[in-house]
Amino acid sequence: MKFFALLAMASVAFAGVTNNNELPRNIFDKRSCSGNNCNRAITGTAKSLPSSTLRKSDCSSFLLTTVTPSPVVKTKWIGDNSFYYETAITTAVTVIPTSKPSYASACSSSGAYASACKCYGITGKTTTAPRPTVTVTKVQGC
């Protein structure tokens, strides 16, 4: 009888417990969102922390990558024959934030902060800015 009681307890331990629509986990699975000071500073509930709304907003901003396409340069020649010559400069600009908020000082690196944000349920996004246009006017014969 004791054997069956132990077997039942072991099966519960290996099955894991679910709550809040989480998938069942094995108790031996490694948790990526461990209780370190960086994760506590971002996802914690201490009264000394900024509001969760602000922390989530900071995480969203931090994980946002902005790509600005290379500009299109239009050269307009003015003279007997007016025409446009169009070319694109070949370098796009990508901005990835690297500065952490002051309350995230427990996070040793930008990567640690990003990882804690992901534990908070915030995922990275990429946005593309509109392509800038530069127009240059030149007069022939000058």
N, C-alpha and C. Protein backbone atom coordinates (compact mmCIF):
# COMPACT_ATOMS: atom_id res chain seq x y z
N MET A 1 0.82 -1.19 0.00
CA MET A 1 0.00 0.00 0.00
C MET A 1 0.86 1.26 0.00
N LYS A 2 1.95 1.22 0.79
CA LYS A 2 2.85 2.37 0.83
C LYS A 2 3.50 2.57 -0.53
N PHE A 3 3.75 1.48 -1.22
CA PHE A 3 4.37 1.57 -2.54
C PHE A 3 3.48 2.37 -3.50
N PHE A 4 2.18 2.12 -3.48
CA PHE A 4 1.26 2.83 -4.37
C PHE A 4 1.15 4.31 -4.00
N ALA A 5 1.22 4.62 -2.72
CA ALA A 5 1.19 6.03 -2.29
C ALA A 5 2.44 6.75 -2.79
N LEU A 6 3.61 6.10 -2.68
CA LEU A 6 4.85 6.70 -3.17
C LEU A 6 4.82 6.83 -4.69
N LEU A 7 4.28 5.84 -5.36
CA LEU A 7 4.17 5.88 -6.81
C LEU A 7 3.27 7.03 -7.25
N ALA A 8 2.17 7.25 -6.55
CA ALA A 8 1.26 8.34 -6.88
C ALA A 8 1.94 9.69 -6.68
N MET A 9 2.69 9.85 -5.59
CA MET A 9 3.40 11.11 -5.33
C MET A 9 4.47 11.36 -6.40
N ALA A 10 5.17 10.32 -6.79
CA ALA A 10 6.21 10.47 -7.81
C ALA A 10 5.60 10.86 -9.15
N SER A 11 4.46 10.28 -9.50
CA SER A 11 3.85 10.61 -10.79
C SER A 11 3.38 12.07 -10.81
N VAL A 12 2.90 12.58 -9.68
CA VAL A 12 2.51 13.99 -9.61
C VAL A 12 3.74 14.88 -9.76
N ALA A 13 4.85 14.50 -9.13
CA ALA A 13 6.08 15.29 -9.21
C ALA A 13 6.61 15.33 -10.63
N PHE A 14 6.55 14.23 -11.34
CA PHE A 14 7.07 14.21 -12.70
C PHE A 14 6.12 14.86 -13.70
N ALA A 15 4.85 14.89 -13.41
CA ALA A 15 3.88 15.47 -14.32
C ALA A 15 3.92 16.99 -14.29
N GLY A 16 4.26 17.57 -13.15
CA GLY A 16 4.27 19.02 -13.02
C GLY A 16 2.88 19.51 -12.69
N VAL A 17 2.80 20.75 -12.31
CA VAL A 17 1.53 21.35 -11.94
C VAL A 17 1.29 22.53 -12.87
N THR A 18 0.07 22.68 -13.30
CA THR A 18 -0.22 23.80 -14.20
C THR A 18 -1.09 24.82 -13.50
N ASN A 19 -0.91 26.10 -13.93
CA ASN A 19 -1.80 27.17 -13.50
C ASN A 19 -1.74 28.27 -14.54
N ASN A 20 -2.76 29.06 -14.61
CA ASN A 20 -2.81 30.19 -15.54
C ASN A 20 -2.51 29.78 -16.98
N ASN A 21 -3.05 28.68 -17.42
CA ASN A 21 -2.92 28.21 -18.80
C ASN A 21 -1.49 27.87 -19.20
N GLU A 22 -0.61 27.59 -18.25
CA GLU A 22 0.74 27.18 -18.59
C GLU A 22 0.73 25.73 -19.04
N LEU A 23 1.69 25.39 -19.86
CA LEU A 23 1.84 24.00 -20.25
C LEU A 23 2.43 23.22 -19.08
N PRO A 24 2.11 21.96 -18.92
CA PRO A 24 2.70 21.18 -17.83
C PRO A 24 4.21 21.12 -17.99
N ARG A 25 4.90 21.22 -16.86
CA ARG A 25 6.35 21.15 -16.88
C ARG A 25 6.82 20.02 -15.97
N ASN A 26 7.88 19.42 -16.35
CA ASN A 26 8.54 18.44 -15.52
C ASN A 26 9.32 19.19 -14.46
N ILE A 27 9.35 18.71 -13.23
CA ILE A 27 10.06 19.44 -12.17
C ILE A 27 11.55 19.48 -12.42
N PHE A 28 12.07 18.65 -13.32
CA PHE A 28 13.49 18.64 -13.60
C PHE A 28 13.87 19.54 -14.78
N ASP A 29 12.86 20.15 -15.45
CA ASP A 29 13.16 21.07 -16.55
C ASP A 29 13.88 22.30 -16.02
N LYS A 30 14.87 22.76 -16.78
CA LYS A 30 15.58 23.99 -16.41
C LYS A 30 14.67 25.17 -16.71
N ARG A 31 14.51 26.05 -15.76
CA ARG A 31 13.70 27.25 -15.94
C ARG A 31 14.59 28.36 -16.47
N SER A 32 14.23 28.97 -17.58
CA SER A 32 15.05 30.05 -18.13
C SER A 32 14.82 31.36 -17.38
N CYS A 33 13.73 31.48 -16.70
CA CYS A 33 13.42 32.69 -15.95
C CYS A 33 13.66 32.46 -14.47
N SER A 34 14.90 32.20 -14.15
CA SER A 34 15.24 31.90 -12.76
C SER A 34 15.16 33.15 -11.90
N GLY A 35 15.13 32.95 -10.61
CA GLY A 35 14.99 34.05 -9.66
C GLY A 35 16.31 34.75 -9.37
N ASN A 36 16.88 35.42 -10.35
CA ASN A 36 18.09 36.20 -10.08
C ASN A 36 17.68 37.67 -9.88
N ASN A 37 18.62 38.48 -9.42
CA ASN A 37 18.29 39.87 -9.09
C ASN A 37 17.87 40.67 -10.32
N CYS A 38 18.42 40.36 -11.47
CA CYS A 38 18.02 41.06 -12.70
C CYS A 38 16.54 40.78 -12.99
N ASN A 39 16.15 39.52 -12.97
CA ASN A 39 14.74 39.18 -13.24
C ASN A 39 13.82 39.78 -12.19
N ARG A 40 14.27 39.80 -10.93
CA ARG A 40 13.44 40.39 -9.88
C ARG A 40 13.25 41.89 -10.11
N ALA A 41 14.29 42.56 -10.59
CA ALA A 41 14.19 44.01 -10.84
C ALA A 41 13.22 44.32 -11.97
N ILE A 42 13.08 43.41 -12.90
CA ILE A 42 12.21 43.66 -14.06
C ILE A 42 10.80 43.10 -13.83
N THR A 43 10.70 41.89 -13.32
CA THR A 43 9.39 41.24 -13.21
C THR A 43 8.87 41.20 -11.78
N GLY A 44 9.61 41.73 -10.84
CA GLY A 44 9.25 41.61 -9.43
C GLY A 44 8.06 42.46 -9.02
N THR A 45 7.67 42.27 -7.76
CA THR A 45 6.50 42.97 -7.22
C THR A 45 6.84 43.87 -6.04
N ALA A 46 8.12 44.10 -5.77
CA ALA A 46 8.51 44.94 -4.64
C ALA A 46 7.95 46.35 -4.81
N LYS A 47 7.53 46.95 -3.70
CA LYS A 47 6.94 48.29 -3.76
C LYS A 47 7.93 49.35 -4.22
N SER A 48 9.22 49.08 -4.06
CA SER A 48 10.24 50.06 -4.45
C SER A 48 10.45 50.13 -5.97
N LEU A 49 9.90 49.17 -6.69
CA LEU A 49 10.06 49.14 -8.15
C LEU A 49 9.07 50.09 -8.82
N PRO A 50 9.41 50.59 -10.01
CA PRO A 50 8.43 51.38 -10.77
C PRO A 50 7.22 50.51 -11.12
N SER A 51 6.16 51.12 -11.57
CA SER A 51 4.94 50.37 -11.89
C SER A 51 5.22 49.33 -12.97
N SER A 52 4.43 48.27 -12.94
CA SER A 52 4.62 47.22 -13.95
C SER A 52 4.33 47.75 -15.35
N THR A 53 3.43 48.72 -15.47
CA THR A 53 3.13 49.32 -16.77
C THR A 53 4.37 50.01 -17.33
N LEU A 54 5.09 50.76 -16.49
CA LEU A 54 6.30 51.44 -16.94
C LEU A 54 7.38 50.42 -17.30
N ARG A 55 7.55 49.39 -16.48
CA ARG A 55 8.58 48.38 -16.76
C ARG A 55 8.28 47.64 -18.06
N LYS A 56 7.02 47.33 -18.31
CA LYS A 56 6.66 46.67 -19.57
C LYS A 56 6.88 47.60 -20.76
N SER A 57 6.55 48.86 -20.59
CA SER A 57 6.77 49.84 -21.66
C SER A 57 8.26 50.00 -21.95
N ASP A 58 9.09 50.05 -20.90
CA ASP A 58 10.54 50.15 -21.09
C ASP A 58 11.07 48.92 -21.82
N CYS A 59 10.56 47.75 -21.46
CA CYS A 59 10.99 46.52 -22.13
C CYS A 59 10.59 46.54 -23.61
N SER A 60 9.38 46.98 -23.90
CA SER A 60 8.92 47.05 -25.29
C SER A 60 9.80 47.99 -26.10
N SER A 61 10.15 49.13 -25.52
CA SER A 61 11.02 50.09 -26.21
C SER A 61 12.40 49.51 -26.42
N PHE A 62 12.91 48.81 -25.40
CA PHE A 62 14.26 48.25 -25.48
C PHE A 62 14.35 47.16 -26.55
N LEU A 63 13.29 46.38 -26.68
CA LEU A 63 13.31 45.26 -27.63
C LEU A 63 12.82 45.65 -29.03
N LEU A 64 12.64 46.95 -29.27
CA LEU A 64 12.20 47.43 -30.58
C LEU A 64 13.41 47.81 -31.42
N THR A 65 13.53 47.21 -32.58
CA THR A 65 14.60 47.53 -33.53
C THR A 65 13.99 48.37 -34.64
N THR A 66 14.61 49.51 -34.93
CA THR A 66 14.12 50.40 -35.98
C THR A 66 15.10 50.39 -37.15
N VAL A 67 14.59 50.09 -38.32
CA VAL A 67 15.40 50.08 -39.54
C VAL A 67 14.97 51.26 -40.40
N THR A 68 15.94 52.12 -40.75
CA THR A 68 15.69 53.22 -41.67
C THR A 68 16.34 52.86 -43.00
N PRO A 69 15.55 52.66 -44.05
CA PRO A 69 16.12 52.28 -45.34
C PRO A 69 17.06 53.36 -45.87
N SER A 70 17.91 52.97 -46.79
CA SER A 70 18.83 53.93 -47.40
C SER A 70 18.02 54.97 -48.17
N PRO A 71 18.47 56.24 -48.13
CA PRO A 71 17.70 57.28 -48.81
C PRO A 71 17.82 57.19 -50.33
N VAL A 72 16.81 57.70 -50.99
CA VAL A 72 16.83 57.83 -52.44
C VAL A 72 17.27 59.26 -52.74
N VAL A 73 18.30 59.40 -53.57
CA VAL A 73 18.78 60.73 -53.95
C VAL A 73 18.29 61.02 -55.37
N LYS A 74 17.54 62.11 -55.51
CA LYS A 74 17.06 62.53 -56.83
C LYS A 74 17.83 63.78 -57.23
N THR A 75 18.50 63.70 -58.36
CA THR A 75 19.23 64.86 -58.86
C THR A 75 18.47 65.42 -60.05
N LYS A 76 18.11 66.70 -59.97
CA LYS A 76 17.37 67.35 -61.05
C LYS A 76 18.32 68.31 -61.75
N TRP A 77 18.51 68.09 -63.02
CA TRP A 77 19.35 68.98 -63.82
C TRP A 77 18.44 70.01 -64.48
N ILE A 78 18.80 71.27 -64.37
CA ILE A 78 18.03 72.33 -65.01
C ILE A 78 18.86 72.90 -66.15
N GLY A 79 18.31 72.92 -67.31
CA GLY A 79 19.01 73.44 -68.49
C GLY A 79 18.15 73.19 -69.71
N ASP A 80 18.81 72.98 -70.84
CA ASP A 80 18.08 72.73 -72.07
C ASP A 80 17.23 71.46 -71.97
N ASN A 81 17.80 70.43 -71.37
CA ASN A 81 17.09 69.15 -71.22
C ASN A 81 16.98 68.84 -69.72
N SER A 82 15.80 69.05 -69.15
CA SER A 82 15.61 68.73 -67.73
C SER A 82 15.27 67.26 -67.59
N PHE A 83 15.89 66.60 -66.62
CA PHE A 83 15.57 65.20 -66.35
C PHE A 83 15.96 64.89 -64.90
N TYR A 84 15.48 63.77 -64.43
CA TYR A 84 15.82 63.29 -63.09
C TYR A 84 16.76 62.12 -63.20
N TYR A 85 17.75 62.13 -62.37
CA TYR A 85 18.64 60.98 -62.25
C TYR A 85 18.46 60.46 -60.83
N GLU A 86 18.12 59.19 -60.69
CA GLU A 86 17.79 58.65 -59.37
C GLU A 86 18.76 57.54 -58.99
N THR A 87 19.24 57.59 -57.77
CA THR A 87 20.12 56.54 -57.27
C THR A 87 19.86 56.35 -55.78
N ALA A 88 20.18 55.20 -55.27
CA ALA A 88 20.01 54.94 -53.83
C ALA A 88 21.37 54.77 -53.18
N ILE A 89 21.53 55.37 -52.02
CA ILE A 89 22.74 55.15 -51.23
C ILE A 89 22.60 53.77 -50.60
N THR A 90 23.67 53.00 -50.57
CA THR A 90 23.56 51.58 -50.26
C THR A 90 23.52 51.21 -48.78
N THR A 91 23.57 52.16 -47.87
CA THR A 91 23.61 51.78 -46.46
C THR A 91 22.31 52.14 -45.75
N ALA A 92 21.68 51.15 -45.17
CA ALA A 92 20.52 51.38 -44.32
C ALA A 92 21.02 51.55 -42.89
N VAL A 93 20.23 52.20 -42.06
CA VAL A 93 20.61 52.41 -40.67
C VAL A 93 19.68 51.58 -39.79
N THR A 94 20.27 50.79 -38.91
CA THR A 94 19.51 49.99 -37.96
C THR A 94 19.83 50.47 -36.56
N VAL A 95 18.80 50.80 -35.79
CA VAL A 95 18.98 51.28 -34.42
C VAL A 95 18.46 50.22 -33.47
N ILE A 96 19.36 49.73 -32.61
CA ILE A 96 19.00 48.77 -31.57
C ILE A 96 19.34 49.40 -30.23
N PRO A 97 18.35 49.67 -29.39
CA PRO A 97 18.65 50.31 -28.10
C PRO A 97 19.58 49.46 -27.24
N THR A 98 20.46 50.12 -26.50
CA THR A 98 21.38 49.39 -25.62
C THR A 98 21.37 49.93 -24.19
N SER A 99 20.78 51.08 -23.95
CA SER A 99 20.80 51.63 -22.59
C SER A 99 19.63 51.09 -21.79
N LYS A 100 19.97 50.62 -20.58
CA LYS A 100 18.96 50.04 -19.69
C LYS A 100 18.44 51.13 -18.76
N PRO A 101 17.21 50.99 -18.26
CA PRO A 101 16.72 51.94 -17.27
C PRO A 101 17.49 51.79 -15.96
N SER A 102 17.48 52.82 -15.13
CA SER A 102 18.27 52.81 -13.89
C SER A 102 17.83 51.71 -12.93
N TYR A 103 16.55 51.37 -12.91
CA TYR A 103 16.10 50.33 -11.98
C TYR A 103 16.59 48.94 -12.39
N ALA A 104 17.16 48.81 -13.59
CA ALA A 104 17.68 47.52 -14.07
C ALA A 104 19.18 47.40 -13.83
N SER A 105 19.70 48.11 -12.84
CA SER A 105 21.14 48.07 -12.58
C SER A 105 21.62 46.68 -12.15
N ALA A 106 20.72 45.83 -11.68
CA ALA A 106 21.10 44.46 -11.30
C ALA A 106 21.38 43.60 -12.53
N CYS A 107 20.97 44.06 -13.70
CA CYS A 107 21.22 43.32 -14.94
C CYS A 107 22.63 43.65 -15.42
N SER A 108 23.47 42.64 -15.50
CA SER A 108 24.89 42.84 -15.80
C SER A 108 25.15 43.27 -17.24
N SER A 109 24.21 43.06 -18.14
CA SER A 109 24.42 43.40 -19.54
C SER A 109 23.08 43.68 -20.21
N SER A 110 23.16 44.21 -21.42
CA SER A 110 21.94 44.44 -22.20
C SER A 110 21.24 43.12 -22.50
N GLY A 111 22.04 42.06 -22.71
CA GLY A 111 21.47 40.74 -22.97
C GLY A 111 20.70 40.20 -21.78
N ALA A 112 21.22 40.44 -20.57
CA ALA A 112 20.52 39.99 -19.36
C ALA A 112 19.21 40.75 -19.20
N TYR A 113 19.23 42.06 -19.48
CA TYR A 113 18.01 42.86 -19.41
C TYR A 113 16.99 42.37 -20.43
N ALA A 114 17.43 42.12 -21.66
CA ALA A 114 16.53 41.62 -22.71
C ALA A 114 15.93 40.28 -22.31
N SER A 115 16.73 39.42 -21.71
CA SER A 115 16.24 38.11 -21.27
C SER A 115 15.18 38.27 -20.19
N ALA A 116 15.40 39.19 -19.24
CA ALA A 116 14.42 39.43 -18.19
C ALA A 116 13.13 40.00 -18.78
N CYS A 117 13.25 40.85 -19.78
CA CYS A 117 12.06 41.39 -20.44
C CYS A 117 11.26 40.27 -21.11
N LYS A 118 11.97 39.33 -21.72
CA LYS A 118 11.29 38.20 -22.35
C LYS A 118 10.58 37.33 -21.31
N CYS A 119 11.17 37.23 -20.11
CA CYS A 119 10.50 36.50 -19.02
C CYS A 119 9.22 37.21 -18.60
N TYR A 120 9.18 38.51 -18.83
CA TYR A 120 8.01 39.32 -18.49
C TYR A 120 6.93 39.20 -19.57
N GLY A 121 7.25 38.47 -20.64
CA GLY A 121 6.29 38.24 -21.71
C GLY A 121 6.39 39.24 -22.85
N ILE A 122 7.42 40.08 -22.83
CA ILE A 122 7.60 41.08 -23.89
C ILE A 122 8.51 40.48 -24.96
N THR A 123 8.09 40.56 -26.20
CA THR A 123 8.89 40.02 -27.30
C THR A 123 9.44 41.15 -28.15
N GLY A 124 10.53 40.87 -28.84
CA GLY A 124 11.16 41.87 -29.70
C GLY A 124 10.35 42.11 -30.96
N LYS A 125 10.41 43.34 -31.45
CA LYS A 125 9.73 43.69 -32.69
C LYS A 125 10.67 44.54 -33.53
N THR A 126 10.41 44.53 -34.83
CA THR A 126 11.19 45.36 -35.76
C THR A 126 10.22 46.25 -36.52
N THR A 127 10.58 47.51 -36.63
CA THR A 127 9.78 48.46 -37.39
C THR A 127 10.67 49.08 -38.46
N THR A 128 10.07 49.38 -39.60
CA THR A 128 10.82 50.00 -40.69
C THR A 128 10.28 51.41 -40.92
N ALA A 129 11.17 52.38 -40.84
CA ALA A 129 10.79 53.78 -41.07
C ALA A 129 10.60 54.00 -42.57
N PRO A 130 9.90 55.06 -42.94
CA PRO A 130 9.74 55.34 -44.37
C PRO A 130 11.08 55.69 -45.01
N ARG A 131 11.21 55.38 -46.28
CA ARG A 131 12.45 55.67 -47.00
C ARG A 131 12.57 57.19 -47.21
N PRO A 132 13.66 57.78 -46.72
CA PRO A 132 13.84 59.23 -46.93
C PRO A 132 14.24 59.55 -48.37
N THR A 133 13.85 60.72 -48.84
CA THR A 133 14.20 61.17 -50.19
C THR A 133 14.94 62.50 -50.08
N VAL A 134 16.06 62.59 -50.78
CA VAL A 134 16.85 63.82 -50.83
C VAL A 134 16.83 64.29 -52.28
N THR A 135 16.45 65.55 -52.50
CA THR A 135 16.42 66.10 -53.85
C THR A 135 17.52 67.15 -53.99
N VAL A 136 18.34 67.00 -55.01
CA VAL A 136 19.42 67.94 -55.30
C VAL A 136 19.14 68.56 -56.66
N THR A 137 19.18 69.89 -56.74
CA THR A 137 18.95 70.59 -58.00
C THR A 137 20.27 71.18 -58.48
N LYS A 138 20.63 70.89 -59.73
CA LYS A 138 21.86 71.42 -60.32
C LYS A 138 21.52 72.15 -61.61
N VAL A 139 22.22 73.22 -61.87
CA VAL A 139 22.00 73.99 -63.09
C VAL A 139 23.15 73.70 -64.04
N GLN A 140 22.81 73.29 -65.29
CA GLN A 140 23.85 72.99 -66.28
C GLN A 140 24.55 74.27 -66.71
N GLY A 141 25.84 74.15 -66.92
CA GLY A 141 26.61 75.27 -67.42
C GLY A 141 27.13 76.18 -66.33
N CYS A 142 26.95 75.86 -65.08
CA CYS A 142 27.44 76.72 -63.99
C CYS A 142 28.65 76.13 -63.34
